[in-house]
Amino acid sequence: MDGVQEIAGRPVYVCADEGSCLAEYRELTGLIGDLFSIDARIVAIPLGRLGPDFLRLSSGVAGEVLQKLVTYRFQIAVVGDVSAAAVRSAPLRDFIGESNRGRTVWFVDDLAALEARLAAYGKA
């Protein structure tokens, strides 16, 4: 079930592993509405909820989803193992690396990795 969890002392809206594809316009706008209604600024989205084309950069899905969330000033954690896809695609590997060097979009394996990043971010 989707809901807010405290992770590293911060409220994080954690999307459930199962549910509708958040890359679909209606679902994404619904998520944004939910985030505003509970005043959450960080959202953790399981990779599986972003659809099969999310990691195929040429599809534009990742850019569309992430840009919409960033435009509304949310911090995004894509939660799941992206290593196999990154091995197959140098542009994706570069995108993930650049994203993880910033503070707006992170690709993390699990919520424990997100907690470690948020804890480190709080010290920066």
PDB file of N, CA and C in Angstrom:
ATOM      1  N   MET A   1       0.835  -1.182   0.000  1.00  0.00           N
ATOM      2  CA  MET A   1       0.000   0.000   0.000  1.00  0.00           C
ATOM      3  C   MET A   1       0.883   1.250   0.000  1.00  0.00           C
ATOM      4  N   ASP A   2       0.536   2.218  -0.818  1.00  0.00           N
ATOM      5  CA  ASP A   2       1.258   3.473  -0.849  1.00  0.00           C
ATOM      6  C   ASP A   2       1.097   4.188   0.488  1.00  0.00           C
ATOM      7  N   GLY A   3       2.138   4.893   0.906  1.00  0.00           N
ATOM      8  CA  GLY A   3       2.018   5.657   2.130  1.00  0.00           C
ATOM      9  C   GLY A   3       3.325   6.291   2.545  1.00  0.00           C
ATOM     10  N   VAL A   4       3.233   7.139   3.544  1.00  0.00           N
ATOM     11  CA  VAL A   4       4.394   7.859   4.037  1.00  0.00           C
ATOM     12  C   VAL A   4       5.115   7.009   5.075  1.00  0.00           C
ATOM     13  N   GLN A   5       6.429   6.931   4.921  1.00  0.00           N
ATOM     14  CA  GLN A   5       7.294   6.279   5.901  1.00  0.00           C
ATOM     15  C   GLN A   5       8.375   7.276   6.288  1.00  0.00           C
ATOM     16  N   GLU A   6       8.806   7.221   7.518  1.00  0.00           N
ATOM     17  CA  GLU A   6       9.930   8.050   7.924  1.00  0.00           C
ATOM     18  C   GLU A   6      11.202   7.275   7.598  1.00  0.00           C
ATOM     19  N   ILE A   7      12.030   7.875   6.747  1.00  0.00           N
ATOM     20  CA  ILE A   7      13.288   7.266   6.344  1.00  0.00           C
ATOM     21  C   ILE A   7      14.389   8.290   6.593  1.00  0.00           C
ATOM     22  N   ALA A   8      15.346   7.925   7.425  1.00  0.00           N
ATOM     23  CA  ALA A   8      16.443   8.818   7.815  1.00  0.00           C
ATOM     24  C   ALA A   8      15.896  10.143   8.351  1.00  0.00           C
ATOM     25  N   GLY A   9      14.801  10.040   9.106  1.00  0.00           N
ATOM     26  CA  GLY A   9      14.228  11.222   9.737  1.00  0.00           C
ATOM     27  C   GLY A   9      13.428  12.117   8.810  1.00  0.00           C
ATOM     28  N   ARG A  10      13.126  11.640   7.610  1.00  0.00           N
ATOM     29  CA  ARG A  10      12.367  12.446   6.646  1.00  0.00           C
ATOM     30  C   ARG A  10      11.123  11.689   6.196  1.00  0.00           C
ATOM     31  N   PRO A  11      10.036  12.426   5.961  1.00  0.00           N
ATOM     32  CA  PRO A  11       8.850  11.757   5.436  1.00  0.00           C
ATOM     33  C   PRO A  11       9.051  11.449   3.948  1.00  0.00           C
ATOM     34  N   VAL A  12       8.896  10.179   3.614  1.00  0.00           N
ATOM     35  CA  VAL A  12       9.056   9.733   2.230  1.00  0.00           C
ATOM     36  C   VAL A  12       7.777   9.018   1.822  1.00  0.00           C
ATOM     37  N   TYR A  13       7.200   9.431   0.720  1.00  0.00           N
ATOM     38  CA  TYR A  13       6.041   8.740   0.179  1.00  0.00           C
ATOM     39  C   TYR A  13       6.564   7.531  -0.582  1.00  0.00           C
ATOM     40  N   VAL A  14       6.246   6.351  -0.082  1.00  0.00           N
ATOM     41  CA  VAL A  14       6.735   5.107  -0.673  1.00  0.00           C
ATOM     42  C   VAL A  14       5.587   4.455  -1.438  1.00  0.00           C
ATOM     43  N   CYS A  15       5.775   4.334  -2.732  1.00  0.00           N
ATOM     44  CA  CYS A  15       4.776   3.674  -3.568  1.00  0.00           C
ATOM     45  C   CYS A  15       4.901   2.160  -3.390  1.00  0.00           C
ATOM     46  N   ALA A  16       3.779   1.495  -3.349  1.00  0.00           N
ATOM     47  CA  ALA A  16       3.754   0.042  -3.202  1.00  0.00           C
ATOM     48  C   ALA A  16       4.384  -0.620  -4.421  1.00  0.00           C
ATOM     49  N   ASP A  17       4.903  -1.822  -4.206  1.00  0.00           N
ATOM     50  CA  ASP A  17       5.496  -2.576  -5.312  1.00  0.00           C
ATOM     51  C   ASP A  17       4.468  -2.910  -6.385  1.00  0.00           C
ATOM     52  N   GLU A  18       3.272  -3.170  -5.974  1.00  0.00           N
ATOM     53  CA  GLU A  18       2.198  -3.529  -6.900  1.00  0.00           C
ATOM     54  C   GLU A  18       1.264  -2.344  -7.091  1.00  0.00           C
ATOM     55  N   GLY A  19       0.793  -2.199  -8.296  1.00  0.00           N
ATOM     56  CA  GLY A  19      -0.155  -1.133  -8.577  1.00  0.00           C
ATOM     57  C   GLY A  19      -0.069  -0.704 -10.022  1.00  0.00           C
ATOM     58  N   SER A  20      -0.791   0.322 -10.346  1.00  0.00           N
ATOM     59  CA  SER A  20      -0.850   0.787 -11.727  1.00  0.00           C
ATOM     60  C   SER A  20       0.485   1.398 -12.156  1.00  0.00           C
ATOM     61  N   CYS A  21       0.653   1.470 -13.457  1.00  0.00           N
ATOM     62  CA  CYS A  21       1.887   2.016 -14.033  1.00  0.00           C
ATOM     63  C   CYS A  21       1.911   3.525 -13.856  1.00  0.00           C
ATOM     64  N   LEU A  22       2.874   4.016 -13.118  1.00  0.00           N
ATOM     65  CA  LEU A  22       2.972   5.443 -12.833  1.00  0.00           C
ATOM     66  C   LEU A  22       3.541   6.243 -14.002  1.00  0.00           C
ATOM     67  N   ALA A  23       3.915   5.569 -15.075  1.00  0.00           N
ATOM     68  CA  ALA A  23       4.368   6.286 -16.264  1.00  0.00           C
ATOM     69  C   ALA A  23       3.181   6.756 -17.101  1.00  0.00           C
ATOM     70  N   GLU A  24       1.995   6.273 -16.790  1.00  0.00           N
ATOM     71  CA  GLU A  24       0.793   6.720 -17.496  1.00  0.00           C
ATOM     72  C   GLU A  24       0.378   8.078 -16.957  1.00  0.00           C
ATOM     73  N   TYR A  25      -0.009   8.961 -17.843  1.00  0.00           N
ATOM     74  CA  TYR A  25      -0.302  10.353 -17.485  1.00  0.00           C
ATOM     75  C   TYR A  25      -1.277  10.461 -16.317  1.00  0.00           C
ATOM     76  N   ARG A  26      -2.372   9.767 -16.407  1.00  0.00           N
ATOM     77  CA  ARG A  26      -3.401   9.874 -15.366  1.00  0.00           C
ATOM     78  C   ARG A  26      -2.868   9.417 -14.013  1.00  0.00           C
ATOM     79  N   GLU A  27      -2.121   8.331 -14.010  1.00  0.00           N
ATOM     80  CA  GLU A  27      -1.580   7.801 -12.761  1.00  0.00           C
ATOM     81  C   GLU A  27      -0.512   8.724 -12.178  1.00  0.00           C
ATOM     82  N   LEU A  28       0.320   9.278 -13.051  1.00  0.00           N
ATOM     83  CA  LEU A  28       1.373  10.181 -12.590  1.00  0.00           C
ATOM     84  C   LEU A  28       0.784  11.460 -12.008  1.00  0.00           C
ATOM     85  N   THR A  29      -0.209  12.013 -12.674  1.00  0.00           N
ATOM     86  CA  THR A  29      -0.832  13.223 -12.130  1.00  0.00           C
ATOM     87  C   THR A  29      -1.555  12.919 -10.818  1.00  0.00           C
ATOM     88  N   GLY A  30      -2.120  11.716 -10.706  1.00  0.00           N
ATOM     89  CA  GLY A  30      -2.729  11.311  -9.440  1.00  0.00           C
ATOM     90  C   GLY A  30      -1.706  11.211  -8.327  1.00  0.00           C
ATOM     91  N   LEU A  31      -0.536  10.666  -8.650  1.00  0.00           N
ATOM     92  CA  LEU A  31       0.546  10.578  -7.664  1.00  0.00           C
ATOM     93  C   LEU A  31       0.972  11.978  -7.219  1.00  0.00           C
ATOM     94  N   ILE A  32       1.111  12.881  -8.158  1.00  0.00           N
ATOM     95  CA  ILE A  32       1.511  14.254  -7.817  1.00  0.00           C
ATOM     96  C   ILE A  32       0.466  14.898  -6.907  1.00  0.00           C
ATOM     97  N   GLY A  33      -0.787  14.679  -7.204  1.00  0.00           N
ATOM     98  CA  GLY A  33      -1.845  15.191  -6.338  1.00  0.00           C
ATOM     99  C   GLY A  33      -1.746  14.615  -4.933  1.00  0.00           C
ATOM    100  N   ASP A  34      -1.491  13.315  -4.844  1.00  0.00           N
ATOM    101  CA  ASP A  34      -1.328  12.682  -3.529  1.00  0.00           C
ATOM    102  C   ASP A  34      -0.150  13.300  -2.778  1.00  0.00           C
ATOM    103  N   LEU A  35       0.949  13.525  -3.474  1.00  0.00           N
ATOM    104  CA  LEU A  35       2.141  14.091  -2.834  1.00  0.00           C
ATOM    105  C   LEU A  35       1.855  15.484  -2.283  1.00  0.00           C
ATOM    106  N   PHE A  36       1.145  16.298  -3.045  1.00  0.00           N
ATOM    107  CA  PHE A  36       0.792  17.631  -2.566  1.00  0.00           C
ATOM    108  C   PHE A  36      -0.174  17.566  -1.385  1.00  0.00           C
ATOM    109  N   SER A  37      -1.104  16.631  -1.416  1.00  0.00           N
ATOM    110  CA  SER A  37      -2.116  16.580  -0.358  1.00  0.00           C
ATOM    111  C   SER A  37      -1.520  16.180   0.991  1.00  0.00           C
ATOM    112  N   ILE A  38      -0.432  15.441   0.971  1.00  0.00           N
ATOM    113  CA  ILE A  38       0.183  15.043   2.245  1.00  0.00           C
ATOM    114  C   ILE A  38       1.482  15.793   2.512  1.00  0.00           C
ATOM    115  N   ASP A  39       1.804  16.721   1.628  1.00  0.00           N
ATOM    116  CA  ASP A  39       2.988  17.569   1.777  1.00  0.00           C
ATOM    117  C   ASP A  39       4.287  16.760   1.846  1.00  0.00           C
ATOM    118  N   ALA A  40       4.378  15.725   1.018  1.00  0.00           N
ATOM    119  CA  ALA A  40       5.607  14.931   0.918  1.00  0.00           C
ATOM    120  C   ALA A  40       6.460  15.504  -0.208  1.00  0.00           C
ATOM    121  N   ARG A  41       7.747  15.619   0.015  1.00  0.00           N
ATOM    122  CA  ARG A  41       8.650  16.168  -1.004  1.00  0.00           C
ATOM    123  C   ARG A  41       9.550  15.097  -1.603  1.00  0.00           C
ATOM    124  N   ILE A  42       9.587  13.921  -0.987  1.00  0.00           N
ATOM    125  CA  ILE A  42      10.419  12.816  -1.476  1.00  0.00           C
ATOM    126  C   ILE A  42       9.491  11.648  -1.794  1.00  0.00           C
ATOM    127  N   VAL A  43       9.704  11.056  -2.957  1.00  0.00           N
ATOM    128  CA  VAL A  43       8.886   9.913  -3.362  1.00  0.00           C
ATOM    129  C   VAL A  43       9.799   8.774  -3.788  1.00  0.00           C
ATOM    130  N   ALA A  44       9.494   7.581  -3.296  1.00  0.00           N
ATOM    131  CA  ALA A  44      10.228   6.370  -3.669  1.00  0.00           C
ATOM    132  C   ALA A  44       9.308   5.530  -4.547  1.00  0.00           C
ATOM    133  N   ILE A  45       9.740   5.303  -5.778  1.00  0.00           N
ATOM    134  CA  ILE A  45       8.914   4.594  -6.755  1.00  0.00           C
ATOM    135  C   ILE A  45       9.613   3.300  -7.158  1.00  0.00           C
ATOM    136  N   PRO A  46       8.963   2.159  -6.951  1.00  0.00           N
ATOM    137  CA  PRO A  46       9.553   0.900  -7.408  1.00  0.00           C
ATOM    138  C   PRO A  46       9.707   0.907  -8.929  1.00  0.00           C
ATOM    139  N   LEU A  47      10.814   0.426  -9.393  1.00  0.00           N
ATOM    140  CA  LEU A  47      11.097   0.379 -10.826  1.00  0.00           C
ATOM    141  C   LEU A  47       9.970  -0.302 -11.594  1.00  0.00           C
ATOM    142  N   GLY A  48       9.419  -1.356 -11.040  1.00  0.00           N
ATOM    143  CA  GLY A  48       8.355  -2.096 -11.698  1.00  0.00           C
ATOM    144  C   GLY A  48       7.094  -1.289 -11.948  1.00  0.00           C
ATOM    145  N   ARG A  49       6.900  -0.208 -11.195  1.00  0.00           N
ATOM    146  CA  ARG A  49       5.710   0.645 -11.361  1.00  0.00           C
ATOM    147  C   ARG A  49       5.890   1.674 -12.472  1.00  0.00           C
ATOM    148  N   LEU A  50       7.078   1.706 -13.095  1.00  0.00           N
ATOM    149  CA  LEU A  50       7.352   2.714 -14.118  1.00  0.00           C
ATOM    150  C   LEU A  50       7.240   2.179 -15.542  1.00  0.00           C
ATOM    151  N   GLY A  51       6.875   0.939 -15.677  1.00  0.00           N
ATOM    152  CA  GLY A  51       6.631   0.364 -16.997  1.00  0.00           C
ATOM    153  C   GLY A  51       7.874  -0.175 -17.665  1.00  0.00           C
ATOM    154  N   PRO A  52       7.670  -1.000 -18.685  1.00  0.00           N
ATOM    155  CA  PRO A  52       8.789  -1.687 -19.335  1.00  0.00           C
ATOM    156  C   PRO A  52       9.704  -0.775 -20.154  1.00  0.00           C
ATOM    157  N   ASP A  53       9.239   0.398 -20.543  1.00  0.00           N
ATOM    158  CA  ASP A  53      10.053   1.288 -21.375  1.00  0.00           C
ATOM    159  C   ASP A  53      10.837   2.328 -20.580  1.00  0.00           C
ATOM    160  N   PHE A  54      10.651   2.365 -19.271  1.00  0.00           N
ATOM    161  CA  PHE A  54      11.292   3.409 -18.476  1.00  0.00           C
ATOM    162  C   PHE A  54      12.809   3.423 -18.644  1.00  0.00           C
ATOM    163  N   LEU A  55      13.431   2.264 -18.634  1.00  0.00           N
ATOM    164  CA  LEU A  55      14.893   2.199 -18.734  1.00  0.00           C
ATOM    165  C   LEU A  55      15.399   2.235 -20.174  1.00  0.00           C
ATOM    166  N   ARG A  56      14.516   2.323 -21.134  1.00  0.00           N
ATOM    167  CA  ARG A  56      14.911   2.489 -22.538  1.00  0.00           C
ATOM    168  C   ARG A  56      14.809   3.979 -22.820  1.00  0.00           C
ATOM    169  N   LEU A  57      15.930   4.685 -22.692  1.00  0.00           N
ATOM    170  CA  LEU A  57      15.921   6.143 -22.753  1.00  0.00           C
ATOM    171  C   LEU A  57      15.327   6.689 -24.046  1.00  0.00           C
ATOM    172  N   SER A  58      15.527   5.979 -25.143  1.00  0.00           N
ATOM    173  CA  SER A  58      15.003   6.468 -26.421  1.00  0.00           C
ATOM    174  C   SER A  58      13.479   6.522 -26.442  1.00  0.00           C
ATOM    175  N   SER A  59      12.806   5.832 -25.519  1.00  0.00           N
ATOM    176  CA  SER A  59      11.346   5.864 -25.456  1.00  0.00           C
ATOM    177  C   SER A  59      10.832   7.201 -24.937  1.00  0.00           C
ATOM    178  N   GLY A  60      11.652   7.900 -24.164  1.00  0.00           N
ATOM    179  CA  GLY A  60      11.241   9.178 -23.590  1.00  0.00           C
ATOM    180  C   GLY A  60      10.449   9.051 -22.300  1.00  0.00           C
ATOM    181  N   VAL A  61      10.147   7.835 -21.886  1.00  0.00           N
ATOM    182  CA  VAL A  61       9.325   7.627 -20.686  1.00  0.00           C
ATOM    183  C   VAL A  61      10.036   8.166 -19.444  1.00  0.00           C
ATOM    184  N   ALA A  62      11.287   7.813 -19.263  1.00  0.00           N
ATOM    185  CA  ALA A  62      12.024   8.275 -18.074  1.00  0.00           C
ATOM    186  C   ALA A  62      12.078   9.798 -18.037  1.00  0.00           C
ATOM    187  N   GLY A  63      12.389  10.396 -19.157  1.00  0.00           N
ATOM    188  CA  GLY A  63      12.468  11.856 -19.203  1.00  0.00           C
ATOM    189  C   GLY A  63      11.145  12.513 -18.863  1.00  0.00           C
ATOM    190  N   GLU A  64      10.070  11.968 -19.402  1.00  0.00           N
ATOM    191  CA  GLU A  64       8.744  12.543 -19.153  1.00  0.00           C
ATOM    192  C   GLU A  64       8.339  12.425 -17.691  1.00  0.00           C
ATOM    193  N   VAL A  65       8.501  11.245 -17.131  1.00  0.00           N
ATOM    194  CA  VAL A  65       8.105  11.009 -15.741  1.00  0.00           C
ATOM    195  C   VAL A  65       8.958  11.839 -14.783  1.00  0.00           C
ATOM    196  N   LEU A  66      10.271  11.749 -14.943  1.00  0.00           N
ATOM    197  CA  LEU A  66      11.162  12.438 -14.012  1.00  0.00           C
ATOM    198  C   LEU A  66      11.038  13.952 -14.145  1.00  0.00           C
ATOM    199  N   GLN A  67      10.919  14.456 -15.360  1.00  0.00           N
ATOM    200  CA  GLN A  67      10.798  15.902 -15.547  1.00  0.00           C
ATOM    201  C   GLN A  67       9.534  16.439 -14.899  1.00  0.00           C
ATOM    202  N   LYS A  68       8.449  15.703 -15.042  1.00  0.00           N
ATOM    203  CA  LYS A  68       7.188  16.161 -14.434  1.00  0.00           C
ATOM    204  C   LYS A  68       7.333  16.253 -12.913  1.00  0.00           C
ATOM    205  N   LEU A  69       7.925  15.236 -12.303  1.00  0.00           N
ATOM    206  CA  LEU A  69       8.106  15.261 -10.854  1.00  0.00           C
ATOM    207  C   LEU A  69       9.099  16.342 -10.416  1.00  0.00           C
ATOM    208  N   VAL A  70      10.173  16.492 -11.163  1.00  0.00           N
ATOM    209  CA  VAL A  70      11.178  17.512 -10.837  1.00  0.00           C
ATOM    210  C   VAL A  70      10.589  18.915 -10.990  1.00  0.00           C
ATOM    211  N   THR A  71       9.766  19.108 -12.004  1.00  0.00           N
ATOM    212  CA  THR A  71       9.129  20.412 -12.217  1.00  0.00           C
ATOM    213  C   THR A  71       8.337  20.836 -10.989  1.00  0.00           C
ATOM    214  N   TYR A  72       7.716  19.866 -10.334  1.00  0.00           N
ATOM    215  CA  TYR A  72       6.956  20.162  -9.117  1.00  0.00           C
ATOM    216  C   TYR A  72       7.823  20.088  -7.858  1.00  0.00           C
ATOM    217  N   ARG A  73       9.127  20.027  -8.050  1.00  0.00           N
ATOM    218  CA  ARG A  73      10.118  20.106  -6.978  1.00  0.00           C
ATOM    219  C   ARG A  73      10.106  18.920  -6.017  1.00  0.00           C
ATOM    220  N   PHE A  74       9.853  17.743  -6.570  1.00  0.00           N
ATOM    221  CA  PHE A  74       9.941  16.530  -5.768  1.00  0.00           C
ATOM    222  C   PHE A  74      11.305  15.902  -5.960  1.00  0.00           C
ATOM    223  N   GLN A  75      11.762  15.244  -4.919  1.00  0.00           N
ATOM    224  CA  GLN A  75      12.972  14.430  -4.997  1.00  0.00           C
ATOM    225  C   GLN A  75      12.501  13.007  -5.247  1.00  0.00           C
ATOM    226  N   ILE A  76      13.136  12.334  -6.204  1.00  0.00           N
ATOM    227  CA  ILE A  76      12.674  11.024  -6.636  1.00  0.00           C
ATOM    228  C   ILE A  76      13.737   9.970  -6.398  1.00  0.00           C
ATOM    229  N   ALA A  77      13.304   8.845  -5.850  1.00  0.00           N
ATOM    230  CA  ALA A  77      14.161   7.666  -5.753  1.00  0.00           C
ATOM    231  C   ALA A  77      13.493   6.560  -6.553  1.00  0.00           C
ATOM    232  N   VAL A  78      14.161   6.103  -7.586  1.00  0.00           N
ATOM    233  CA  VAL A  78      13.701   4.953  -8.342  1.00  0.00           C
ATOM    234  C   VAL A  78      14.314   3.740  -7.649  1.00  0.00           C
ATOM    235  N   VAL A  79      13.462   2.875  -7.127  1.00  0.00           N
ATOM    236  CA  VAL A  79      13.913   1.779  -6.277  1.00  0.00           C
ATOM    237  C   VAL A  79      13.852   0.458  -7.048  1.00  0.00           C
ATOM    238  N   GLY A  80      15.025  -0.140  -7.229  1.00  0.00           N
ATOM    239  CA  GLY A  80      15.088  -1.424  -7.914  1.00  0.00           C
ATOM    240  C   GLY A  80      16.446  -1.619  -8.561  1.00  0.00           C
ATOM    241  N   ASP A  81      16.705  -2.827  -8.954  1.00  0.00           N
ATOM    242  CA  ASP A  81      17.994  -3.178  -9.554  1.00  0.00           C
ATOM    243  C   ASP A  81      18.015  -2.789 -11.037  1.00  0.00           C
ATOM    244  N   VAL A  82      18.830  -1.828 -11.371  1.00  0.00           N
ATOM    245  CA  VAL A  82      18.954  -1.360 -12.760  1.00  0.00           C
ATOM    246  C   VAL A  82      20.260  -1.828 -13.387  1.00  0.00           C
ATOM    247  N   SER A  83      21.003  -2.663 -12.691  1.00  0.00           N
ATOM    248  CA  SER A  83      22.350  -3.021 -13.140  1.00  0.00           C
ATOM    249  C   SER A  83      22.364  -3.734 -14.489  1.00  0.00           C
ATOM    250  N   ALA A  84      21.464  -4.663 -14.724  1.00  0.00           N
ATOM    251  CA  ALA A  84      21.459  -5.394 -16.001  1.00  0.00           C
ATOM    252  C   ALA A  84      21.167  -4.447 -17.161  1.00  0.00           C
ATOM    253  N   ALA A  85      20.202  -3.565 -16.993  1.00  0.00           N
ATOM    254  CA  ALA A  85      19.878  -2.602 -18.051  1.00  0.00           C
ATOM    255  C   ALA A  85      21.039  -1.637 -18.272  1.00  0.00           C
ATOM    256  N   ALA A  86      21.711  -1.238 -17.208  1.00  0.00           N
ATOM    257  CA  ALA A  86      22.839  -0.311 -17.326  1.00  0.00           C
ATOM    258  C   ALA A  86      24.009  -0.948 -18.058  1.00  0.00           C
ATOM    259  N   VAL A  87      24.211  -2.241 -17.874  1.00  0.00           N
ATOM    260  CA  VAL A  87      25.290  -2.947 -18.581  1.00  0.00           C
ATOM    261  C   VAL A  87      25.029  -2.938 -20.082  1.00  0.00           C
ATOM    262  N   ARG A  88      23.766  -3.058 -20.464  1.00  0.00           N
ATOM    263  CA  ARG A  88      23.405  -3.113 -21.885  1.00  0.00           C
ATOM    264  C   ARG A  88      23.388  -1.756 -22.571  1.00  0.00           C
ATOM    265  N   SER A  89      23.360  -0.671 -21.820  1.00  0.00           N
ATOM    266  CA  SER A  89      23.197   0.648 -22.424  1.00  0.00           C
ATOM    267  C   SER A  89      24.134   1.677 -21.783  1.00  0.00           C
ATOM    268  N   ALA A  90      25.121   2.120 -22.546  1.00  0.00           N
ATOM    269  CA  ALA A  90      26.037   3.153 -22.039  1.00  0.00           C
ATOM    270  C   ALA A  90      25.302   4.459 -21.732  1.00  0.00           C
ATOM    271  N   PRO A  91      24.368   4.916 -22.581  1.00  0.00           N
ATOM    272  CA  PRO A  91      23.645   6.147 -22.241  1.00  0.00           C
ATOM    273  C   PRO A  91      22.859   6.020 -20.934  1.00  0.00           C
ATOM    274  N   LEU A  92      22.230   4.870 -20.718  1.00  0.00           N
ATOM    275  CA  LEU A  92      21.495   4.667 -19.466  1.00  0.00           C
ATOM    276  C   LEU A  92      22.455   4.653 -18.289  1.00  0.00           C
ATOM    277  N   ARG A  93      23.565   3.965 -18.434  1.00  0.00           N
ATOM    278  CA  ARG A  93      24.577   3.909 -17.369  1.00  0.00           C
ATOM    279  C   ARG A  93      25.040   5.320 -17.018  1.00  0.00           C
ATOM    280  N   ASP A  94      25.286   6.149 -18.037  1.00  0.00           N
ATOM    281  CA  ASP A  94      25.712   7.537 -17.809  1.00  0.00           C
ATOM    282  C   ASP A  94      24.615   8.340 -17.117  1.00  0.00           C
ATOM    283  N   PHE A  95      23.372   8.137 -17.548  1.00  0.00           N
ATOM    284  CA  PHE A  95      22.235   8.845 -16.957  1.00  0.00           C
ATOM    285  C   PHE A  95      22.089   8.489 -15.479  1.00  0.00           C
ATOM    286  N   ILE A  96      22.185   7.221 -15.168  1.00  0.00           N
ATOM    287  CA  ILE A  96      22.080   6.780 -13.782  1.00  0.00           C
ATOM    288  C   ILE A  96      23.225   7.362 -12.950  1.00  0.00           C
ATOM    289  N   GLY A  97      24.426   7.322 -13.501  1.00  0.00           N
ATOM    290  CA  GLY A  97      25.580   7.868 -12.784  1.00  0.00           C
ATOM    291  C   GLY A  97      25.441   9.353 -12.512  1.00  0.00           C
ATOM    292  N   GLU A  98      25.028  10.107 -13.518  1.00  0.00           N
ATOM    293  CA  GLU A  98      24.829  11.558 -13.343  1.00  0.00           C
ATOM    294  C   GLU A  98      23.717  11.842 -12.344  1.00  0.00           C
ATOM    295  N   SER A  99      22.629  11.093 -12.452  1.00  0.00           N
ATOM    296  CA  SER A  99      21.509  11.288 -11.523  1.00  0.00           C
ATOM    297  C   SER A  99      21.942  11.035 -10.090  1.00  0.00           C
ATOM    298  N   ASN A 100      22.684   9.977  -9.880  1.00  0.00           N
ATOM    299  CA  ASN A 100      23.100   9.617  -8.526  1.00  0.00           C
ATOM    300  C   ASN A 100      24.141  10.567  -7.950  1.00  0.00           C
ATOM    301  N   ARG A 101      24.783  11.367  -8.772  1.00  0.00           N
ATOM    302  CA  ARG A 101      25.710  12.383  -8.257  1.00  0.00           C
ATOM    303  C   ARG A 101      24.972  13.624  -7.778  1.00  0.00           C
ATOM    304  N   GLY A 102      23.735  13.785  -8.205  1.00  0.00           N
ATOM    305  CA  GLY A 102      22.938  14.951  -7.809  1.00  0.00           C
ATOM    306  C   GLY A 102      22.109  14.670  -6.572  1.00  0.00           C
ATOM    307  N   ARG A 103      21.132  15.525  -6.359  1.00  0.00           N
ATOM    308  CA  ARG A 103      20.274  15.396  -5.184  1.00  0.00           C
ATOM    309  C   ARG A 103      18.796  15.300  -5.539  1.00  0.00           C
ATOM    310  N   THR A 104      18.471  15.255  -6.816  1.00  0.00           N
ATOM    311  CA  THR A 104      17.071  15.286  -7.218  1.00  0.00           C
ATOM    312  C   THR A 104      16.531  13.929  -7.616  1.00  0.00           C
ATOM    313  N   VAL A 105      17.289  13.167  -8.375  1.00  0.00           N
ATOM    314  CA  VAL A 105      16.869  11.842  -8.829  1.00  0.00           C
ATOM    315  C   VAL A 105      17.952  10.848  -8.453  1.00  0.00           C
ATOM    316  N   TRP A 106      17.547   9.807  -7.743  1.00  0.00           N
ATOM    317  CA  TRP A 106      18.476   8.751  -7.375  1.00  0.00           C
ATOM    318  C   TRP A 106      17.936   7.413  -7.840  1.00  0.00           C
ATOM    319  N   PHE A 107      18.826   6.551  -8.235  1.00  0.00           N
ATOM    320  CA  PHE A 107      18.510   5.161  -8.518  1.00  0.00           C
ATOM    321  C   PHE A 107      19.132   4.355  -7.393  1.00  0.00           C
ATOM    322  N   VAL A 108      18.292   3.682  -6.612  1.00  0.00           N
ATOM    323  CA  VAL A 108      18.771   2.913  -5.463  1.00  0.00           C
ATOM    324  C   VAL A 108      18.220   1.494  -5.544  1.00  0.00           C
ATOM    325  N   ASP A 109      18.967   0.547  -4.989  1.00  0.00           N
ATOM    326  CA  ASP A 109      18.540  -0.852  -5.038  1.00  0.00           C
ATOM    327  C   ASP A 109      17.333  -1.141  -4.159  1.00  0.00           C
ATOM    328  N   ASP A 110      17.267  -0.473  -3.001  1.00  0.00           N
ATOM    329  CA  ASP A 110      16.195  -0.757  -2.048  1.00  0.00           C
ATOM    330  C   ASP A 110      16.043   0.415  -1.085  1.00  0.00           C
ATOM    331  N   LEU A 111      15.093   0.312  -0.178  1.00  0.00           N
ATOM    332  CA  LEU A 111      14.850   1.408   0.761  1.00  0.00           C
ATOM    333  C   LEU A 111      16.001   1.601   1.738  1.00  0.00           C
ATOM    334  N   ALA A 112      16.747   0.550   2.034  1.00  0.00           N
ATOM    335  CA  ALA A 112      17.915   0.687   2.908  1.00  0.00           C
ATOM    336  C   ALA A 112      18.965   1.574   2.231  1.00  0.00           C
ATOM    337  N   ALA A 113      19.141   1.407   0.934  1.00  0.00           N
ATOM    338  CA  ALA A 113      20.091   2.260   0.197  1.00  0.00           C
ATOM    339  C   ALA A 113      19.590   3.696   0.153  1.00  0.00           C
ATOM    340  N   LEU A 114      18.284   3.884   0.023  1.00  0.00           N
ATOM    341  CA  LEU A 114      17.725   5.238   0.065  1.00  0.00           C
ATOM    342  C   LEU A 114      17.962   5.860   1.432  1.00  0.00           C
ATOM    343  N   GLU A 115      17.776   5.079   2.478  1.00  0.00           N
ATOM    344  CA  GLU A 115      18.008   5.590   3.830  1.00  0.00           C
ATOM    345  C   GLU A 115      19.457   6.048   3.999  1.00  0.00           C
ATOM    346  N   ALA A 116      20.399   5.274   3.490  1.00  0.00           N
ATOM    347  CA  ALA A 116      21.815   5.647   3.585  1.00  0.00           C
ATOM    348  C   ALA A 116      22.085   6.942   2.822  1.00  0.00           C
ATOM    349  N   ARG A 117      21.504   7.080   1.648  1.00  0.00           N
ATOM    350  CA  ARG A 117      21.711   8.298   0.846  1.00  0.00           C
ATOM    351  C   ARG A 117      21.091   9.505   1.531  1.00  0.00           C
ATOM    352  N   LEU A 118      19.896   9.352   2.055  1.00  0.00           N
ATOM    353  CA  LEU A 118      19.248  10.469   2.747  1.00  0.00           C
ATOM    354  C   LEU A 118      20.029  10.868   3.994  1.00  0.00           C
ATOM    355  N   ALA A 119      20.560   9.882   4.713  1.00  0.00           N
ATOM    356  CA  ALA A 119      21.363  10.185   5.901  1.00  0.00           C
ATOM    357  C   ALA A 119      22.611  10.954   5.515  1.00  0.00           C
ATOM    358  N   ALA A 120      23.264  10.540   4.432  1.00  0.00           N
ATOM    359  CA  ALA A 120      24.457  11.234   3.968  1.00  0.00           C
ATOM    360  C   ALA A 120      24.111  12.630   3.454  1.00  0.00           C
ATOM    361  N   TYR A 121      22.989  12.755   2.789  1.00  0.00           N
ATOM    362  CA  TYR A 121      22.539  14.047   2.252  1.00  0.00           C
ATOM    363  C   TYR A 121      22.271  15.042   3.385  1.00  0.00           C
ATOM    364  N   GLY A 122      21.735  14.514   4.489  1.00  0.00           N
ATOM    365  CA  GLY A 122      21.452  15.374   5.631  1.00  0.00           C
ATOM    366  C   GLY A 122      22.701  15.955   6.248  1.00  0.00           C
ATOM    367  N   LYS A 123      23.839  15.302   6.030  1.00  0.00           N
ATOM    368  CA  LYS A 123      25.106  15.766   6.588  1.00  0.00           C
ATOM    369  C   LYS A 123      25.824  16.730   5.653  1.00  0.00           C
ATOM    370  N   ALA A 124      25.373  16.772   4.397  1.00  0.00           N
ATOM    371  CA  ALA A 124      26.050  17.611   3.397  1.00  0.00           C
ATOM    372  C   ALA A 124      25.700  19.070   3.552  1.00  0.00           C
TER     373      ALA A 124
END
